[in-house]
Protein backbone atom coordinates (compact mmCIF):
# COMPACT_ATOMS: atom_id res chain seq x y z
CA MET A 1 6.33 -11.98 -0.18
CA PRO A 2 2.82 -11.09 -1.48
CA PHE A 3 2.15 -7.48 -1.74
CA SER A 4 -0.88 -8.76 -3.65
CA LYS A 5 -3.84 -6.27 -3.35
CA ALA A 6 -6.41 -9.06 -2.63
CA GLY A 7 -10.01 -8.52 -2.67
CA VAL A 8 -11.55 -8.67 0.72
CA ARG A 9 -13.90 -11.69 1.22
CA TYR A 10 -15.40 -13.41 4.15
CA SER A 11 -15.88 -16.87 4.91
CA ALA A 12 -19.09 -18.25 6.52
CA ALA A 13 -17.26 -18.63 9.74
CA MET A 14 -18.06 -16.11 12.48
CA THR A 15 -15.89 -14.53 15.16
CA ASN A 16 -16.98 -14.65 18.97
CA HIS A 17 -18.52 -11.28 18.28
CA GLY A 18 -20.86 -12.44 15.75
CA GLU A 19 -18.95 -10.77 12.80
CA PRO A 20 -17.69 -12.49 9.82
CA ALA A 21 -14.21 -13.97 10.47
CA PRO A 22 -11.47 -12.52 7.91
CA ASN A 23 -10.48 -14.73 5.18
CA PRO A 24 -7.01 -16.04 5.88
CA ASP A 25 -5.71 -14.29 2.76
CA ARG A 26 -6.46 -10.79 4.17
CA ALA A 27 -4.70 -11.88 7.56
CA ALA A 28 -1.85 -13.21 5.42
CA LEU A 29 -1.65 -9.87 3.30
CA GLU A 30 -1.69 -7.88 6.49
CA ARG A 31 0.97 -9.65 7.96
CA ALA A 32 3.12 -9.15 4.69
CA TYR A 33 2.57 -5.56 4.77
CA ARG A 34 3.44 -5.32 8.23
CA GLU A 35 6.81 -7.51 7.92
CA ALA A 36 7.71 -5.36 4.74
CA LEU A 37 10.42 -2.80 4.91
CA TYR A 38 9.75 0.41 2.99
CA SER A 39 12.14 2.87 1.69
CA VAL A 40 11.68 6.48 0.42
CA GLU A 41 14.27 8.33 -1.39
CA LEU A 42 14.31 11.84 0.26
CA PRO A 43 16.83 14.84 -0.58
CA GLY A 44 18.48 14.14 2.60
CA GLY A 45 18.94 10.35 1.98
CA THR A 46 17.00 7.24 2.01
CA VAL A 47 14.58 6.48 4.93
CA THR A 48 13.75 3.22 5.68
CA PHE A 49 10.71 1.89 7.77
CA ARG A 50 8.01 -0.48 8.75
CA ILE A 51 4.29 0.06 9.40
CA GLY A 52 4.02 1.39 12.78
CA GLU A 53 7.27 3.37 12.91
CA ARG A 54 7.60 7.06 13.67
CA LEU A 55 9.51 9.11 10.92
CA PRO A 56 11.17 12.39 12.56
CA ASP A 57 11.22 15.29 10.32
CA VAL A 58 9.43 14.04 7.34
CA GLU A 59 6.14 15.47 5.90
CA PRO A 60 3.24 13.53 5.34
CA PHE A 61 2.91 11.07 2.40
CA ALA A 62 1.29 8.07 1.04
CA LEU A 63 3.30 5.38 -0.37
CA ILE A 64 1.57 3.85 -3.51
CA THR A 65 2.51 1.24 -5.98
CA ALA A 66 0.83 -0.15 -9.04
CA TRP A 67 2.50 -3.59 -8.75
CA ASN A 68 0.72 -6.69 -8.32
CA PRO A 69 -2.94 -5.68 -8.45
CA GLY A 70 -5.49 -7.81 -6.97
CA HIS A 71 -4.69 -11.58 -7.19
CA ALA A 72 -2.74 -10.97 -10.36
CA ARG A 73 0.85 -11.57 -10.74
CA PRO A 74 1.72 -9.90 -13.92
CA GLY A 75 5.31 -10.13 -15.12
CA ASP A 76 8.11 -7.37 -14.61
CA VAL A 77 6.98 -6.09 -17.87
CA GLU A 78 3.49 -5.45 -17.06
CA ASN A 79 4.28 -4.26 -13.66
CA ALA A 80 6.62 -1.63 -14.72
CA ALA A 81 4.08 -0.37 -17.39
CA ALA A 82 1.29 -0.13 -14.76
CA ASN A 83 3.83 1.77 -12.47
CA ALA A 84 4.62 4.01 -15.37
CA ARG A 85 0.96 4.76 -15.84
CA LEU A 86 0.71 5.43 -12.07
CA ARG A 87 3.64 7.75 -12.37
CA TYR A 88 1.92 9.53 -15.47
CA ARG A 89 -1.27 9.78 -13.42
CA LEU A 90 0.61 11.43 -10.43
CA THR A 91 2.43 13.76 -12.85
CA ALA A 92 -1.05 14.74 -14.52
CA LEU A 93 -2.45 15.59 -11.15
CA SER A 94 0.40 17.77 -10.34
CA LEU A 95 1.42 15.87 -7.32
CA ARG A 96 4.84 15.95 -5.96
CA PHE A 97 6.26 12.32 -5.41
CA VAL A 98 9.74 10.54 -5.23
CA ALA A 99 10.98 7.02 -5.74
CA ALA A 100 10.09 4.54 -2.96
CA ASP A 101 9.60 0.76 -2.81
CA GLY A 102 8.27 -1.91 -0.67
CA ARG A 103 10.26 -5.18 -0.03
CA SER A 104 10.15 -8.43 1.79
CA PRO A 105 12.47 -8.52 4.81
CA ASP A 106 15.00 -10.91 3.01
CA GLY A 107 14.82 -8.51 -0.10
CA ALA A 108 13.78 -11.31 -2.52
CA HIS A 109 10.85 -9.36 -3.57
CA VAL A 110 10.77 -5.66 -4.24
CA GLU A 111 7.86 -3.57 -5.56
CA PRO A 112 8.88 -0.27 -6.93
CA SER A 113 6.65 2.52 -5.41
CA PHE A 114 6.08 6.32 -5.16
CA ALA A 115 6.13 8.43 -1.64
CA VAL A 116 3.26 11.19 -2.79
CA PHE A 117 3.47 14.16 -0.86
CA GLY A 118 0.76 16.86 -0.53
CA ILE A 119 -1.99 14.34 -1.02
CA SER A 120 -4.73 13.56 1.61
CA ARG A 121 -5.13 10.17 3.01
CA GLU A 122 -8.49 9.53 1.17
CA ALA A 123 -7.08 10.66 -2.08
CA GLY A 124 -4.15 8.23 -1.70
CA LEU A 125 -6.57 5.54 -0.98
CA ALA A 126 -8.75 6.49 -3.98
CA LEU A 127 -5.85 6.50 -6.21
CA ALA A 128 -4.59 3.05 -4.86
CA ARG A 129 -8.07 1.77 -5.75
CA GLU A 130 -7.82 3.15 -9.12
CA PHE A 131 -4.64 1.05 -9.72
CA GLY A 132 -6.26 -2.28 -8.02
CA GLN A 133 -4.32 -1.98 -4.92
CA ALA A 134 -5.54 -3.44 -1.29
CA ALA A 135 -4.00 -0.84 0.93
CA ILE A 136 -1.13 2.07 1.05
CA ALA A 137 1.51 2.95 3.77
CA TRP A 138 0.05 6.22 5.07
CA PHE A 139 2.54 8.47 6.95
CA ASP A 140 0.68 11.24 8.80
CA GLY A 141 3.70 13.30 10.09
CA ASP A 142 3.93 11.21 13.06
CA ALA A 143 3.88 7.33 12.38
CA VAL A 144 3.40 5.00 9.51
CA GLU A 145 -0.07 2.99 9.31
CA LEU A 146 -1.43 0.54 7.18
CA ALA A 147 -4.57 1.95 5.40
CA TRP A 148 -6.89 -0.37 3.57
CA THR A 149 -8.61 0.90 0.21
CA SER A 150 -11.77 -0.99 1.30
CA SER A 151 -13.52 -1.80 4.62
CA PRO A 152 -12.46 -5.25 6.11
CA HIS A 153 -16.46 -5.75 6.30
CA PRO A 154 -17.60 -4.63 2.91
CA GLU A 155 -21.17 -4.36 4.24
CA GLN A 156 -20.09 -1.67 6.44
CA SER A 157 -18.74 0.45 3.72
CA ALA A 158 -20.73 3.44 2.98
């Protein structure tokens, strides 16, 4: 399952509304994020969820990884080193975090991650961008959403 954090590009094709049609890579990436299972190691036990689900009695968090940035597919050693740099960054920022992961529904692909508490959505997205990620799972205290690090229409980013 690609958790690849692919750059956002648009083809010359247009939608019925005159907007650029999304690159099929973005659609496939979104599908992968939405089909994935996410787990967070909380003091009361592991919580497993998907994008869009509600989580009772859990404080807001951003789920962030440093695995597989952009179109790159580094090996396990490089990915583990990137996640170690992310852990160091979280510690340096004095953020509270716990172990988490994102995985394909069949469990064949797993990306170790961190659930970061006490961080705003915007700061979580900025940190994910710093590590080359396309999106994070953001839990606002009610439901988990997929939050992209860049606009689906780059010309609209401001």
